[in-house]
């Protein structure tokens, strides 16, 4: 520490100040590591076609036939969904989406910066 601080403050008070500053830095670090900006998390798109397709392809010598939801939109291109929210399966979730309505589509983390042809986690109908 600085010599002038040693003369002014007692050792107990210096330890207290160090602990308070350390805790402040820790909480600041936790906040910035765990905080997400909601910029670009969703896009508002009008669904033209909602359909279910098989993923297809080979994984570990097995053919994957899991369904995926495909939404063709006018503003956002082709949007795909691989997992349905709320414990529903993909065909059930896609059947609830009505063509011609506008939906808020929440993007996945790996396609968040894409303006078109991204993957989505869930859709919310926008009431106009």
Protein backbone atom coordinates (compact mmCIF):
# COMPACT_ATOMS: atom_id res chain seq x y z
CA UNK A 1 0.00 0.00 0.00
CA UNK A 2 0.91 3.62 -0.17
CA UNK A 3 2.98 4.84 2.80
CA UNK A 4 0.72 7.81 3.52
CA UNK A 5 -2.31 5.49 3.84
CA UNK A 6 -0.47 3.33 6.40
CA UNK A 7 0.06 6.39 8.59
CA UNK A 8 -3.56 7.57 8.43
CA UNK A 9 -5.64 4.35 8.61
CA UNK A 10 -5.57 1.41 11.01
CA UNK A 11 -4.88 -2.07 9.57
CA UNK A 12 -8.43 -3.25 10.32
CA UNK A 13 -9.94 -0.34 8.42
CA UNK A 14 -7.61 -0.96 5.46
CA UNK A 15 -8.73 -4.61 5.32
CA UNK A 16 -12.38 -3.51 5.48
CA UNK A 17 -11.89 -1.09 2.58
CA UNK A 18 -10.11 -3.79 0.54
CA UNK A 19 -12.95 -6.26 1.13
CA UNK A 20 -15.63 -3.72 0.16
CA UNK A 21 -13.78 -2.81 -3.04
CA UNK A 22 -13.23 -6.50 -3.84
CA UNK A 23 -16.92 -7.30 -3.35
CA UNK A 24 -17.87 -4.34 -5.54
CA UNK A 25 -15.58 -5.58 -8.29
CA UNK A 26 -16.96 -9.12 -7.95
CA UNK A 27 -20.59 -8.00 -8.24
CA UNK A 28 -19.74 -5.72 -11.16
CA UNK A 29 -18.04 -8.63 -12.93
CA UNK A 30 -21.03 -10.93 -12.29
CA UNK A 31 -23.41 -8.29 -13.63
CA UNK A 32 -21.52 -7.75 -16.87
CA UNK A 33 -20.90 -11.44 -17.48
CA UNK A 34 -24.51 -12.48 -16.84
CA UNK A 35 -26.30 -9.52 -18.38
CA UNK A 36 -27.59 -9.73 -21.94
CA UNK A 37 -28.66 -6.80 -24.03
CA UNK A 38 -32.06 -7.42 -25.58
CA UNK A 39 -30.94 -5.72 -28.78
CA UNK A 40 -31.62 -7.97 -31.74
CA UNK A 41 -33.27 -10.73 -29.68
CA UNK A 42 -36.40 -10.86 -31.80
CA UNK A 43 -37.84 -9.86 -35.14
CA UNK A 44 -41.41 -9.04 -36.11
CA UNK A 45 -42.38 -11.07 -39.17
CA UNK A 46 -45.57 -11.92 -41.07
CA UNK A 47 -45.86 -15.68 -41.54
CA UNK A 48 -46.92 -16.70 -45.05
CA UNK A 49 -46.45 -20.49 -44.75
CA UNK A 50 -45.98 -22.64 -41.63
CA UNK A 51 -45.01 -26.26 -42.25
CA UNK A 52 -43.23 -29.22 -40.68
CA UNK A 53 -40.26 -30.87 -42.42
CA UNK A 54 -37.95 -33.72 -41.44
CA UNK A 55 -34.39 -32.72 -40.63
CA UNK A 56 -32.97 -35.76 -42.44
CA UNK A 57 -29.31 -36.68 -42.69
CA UNK A 58 -26.97 -39.13 -41.03
CA UNK A 59 -25.78 -38.89 -37.43
CA UNK A 60 -23.65 -41.71 -35.98
CA UNK A 61 -24.78 -44.12 -38.71
CA UNK A 62 -28.43 -43.40 -37.96
CA UNK A 63 -30.90 -41.51 -40.12
CA UNK A 64 -32.34 -38.54 -38.27
CA UNK A 65 -36.02 -37.97 -39.01
CA UNK A 66 -36.78 -35.43 -36.30
CA UNK A 67 -39.25 -32.75 -37.36
CA UNK A 68 -38.42 -29.06 -37.61
CA UNK A 69 -40.76 -26.14 -38.04
CA UNK A 70 -40.26 -24.02 -41.14
CA UNK A 71 -41.88 -20.59 -41.40
CA UNK A 72 -41.73 -18.70 -44.67
CA UNK A 73 -42.07 -14.98 -44.02
CA UNK A 74 -42.11 -11.89 -46.17
CA UNK A 75 -39.75 -9.79 -43.99
CA UNK A 76 -37.41 -12.39 -42.49
CA UNK A 77 -37.01 -15.03 -45.19
CA UNK A 78 -37.16 -18.68 -44.09
CA UNK A 79 -37.13 -19.12 -40.30
CA UNK A 80 -36.54 -22.56 -38.77
CA UNK A 81 -37.44 -23.99 -35.35
CA UNK A 82 -35.81 -27.16 -34.01
CA UNK A 83 -37.25 -27.28 -30.46
CA UNK A 84 -40.75 -26.23 -29.46
CA UNK A 85 -41.26 -24.34 -26.18
CA UNK A 86 -43.57 -25.22 -23.27
CA UNK A 87 -43.09 -29.00 -23.61
CA UNK A 88 -45.02 -29.18 -26.89
CA UNK A 89 -43.83 -31.10 -29.91
CA UNK A 90 -43.02 -29.39 -33.21
CA UNK A 91 -46.10 -30.49 -35.25
CA UNK A 92 -48.46 -29.39 -32.47
CA UNK A 93 -46.73 -26.00 -32.10
CA UNK A 94 -46.55 -25.30 -35.85
CA UNK A 95 -50.24 -26.16 -36.28
CA UNK A 96 -51.12 -23.27 -33.92
CA UNK A 97 -49.35 -20.70 -36.13
CA UNK A 98 -51.80 -19.02 -38.50
CA UNK A 99 -50.60 -17.80 -41.92
CA UNK A 100 -51.11 -14.10 -42.59
CA UNK A 101 -50.62 -13.02 -38.97
CA UNK A 102 -47.67 -11.08 -37.59
CA UNK A 103 -45.49 -12.78 -34.96
CA UNK A 104 -42.62 -11.76 -32.73
CA UNK A 105 -39.94 -14.40 -33.41
CA UNK A 106 -37.30 -14.81 -30.71
CA UNK A 107 -33.91 -15.64 -32.23
CA UNK A 108 -31.44 -18.26 -31.01
CA UNK A 109 -28.10 -17.11 -29.63
CA UNK A 110 -26.09 -18.32 -32.62
CA UNK A 111 -28.27 -16.54 -35.22
CA UNK A 112 -29.11 -13.40 -33.24
CA UNK A 113 -27.24 -11.04 -35.59
CA UNK A 114 -28.89 -12.40 -38.75
CA UNK A 115 -31.69 -10.28 -40.22
CA UNK A 116 -32.97 -13.02 -42.54
CA UNK A 117 -33.01 -16.82 -42.47
CA UNK A 118 -32.42 -17.29 -38.73
CA UNK A 119 -33.48 -19.93 -36.20
CA UNK A 120 -36.18 -19.19 -33.66
CA UNK A 121 -36.97 -20.36 -30.15
CA UNK A 122 -40.62 -19.33 -29.90
CA UNK A 123 -43.23 -17.15 -31.53
CA UNK A 124 -45.65 -14.67 -29.97
CA UNK A 125 -48.59 -13.28 -31.88
CA UNK A 126 -48.57 -9.49 -32.17
CA UNK A 127 -51.99 -8.00 -31.54
CA UNK A 128 -52.56 -4.98 -33.75
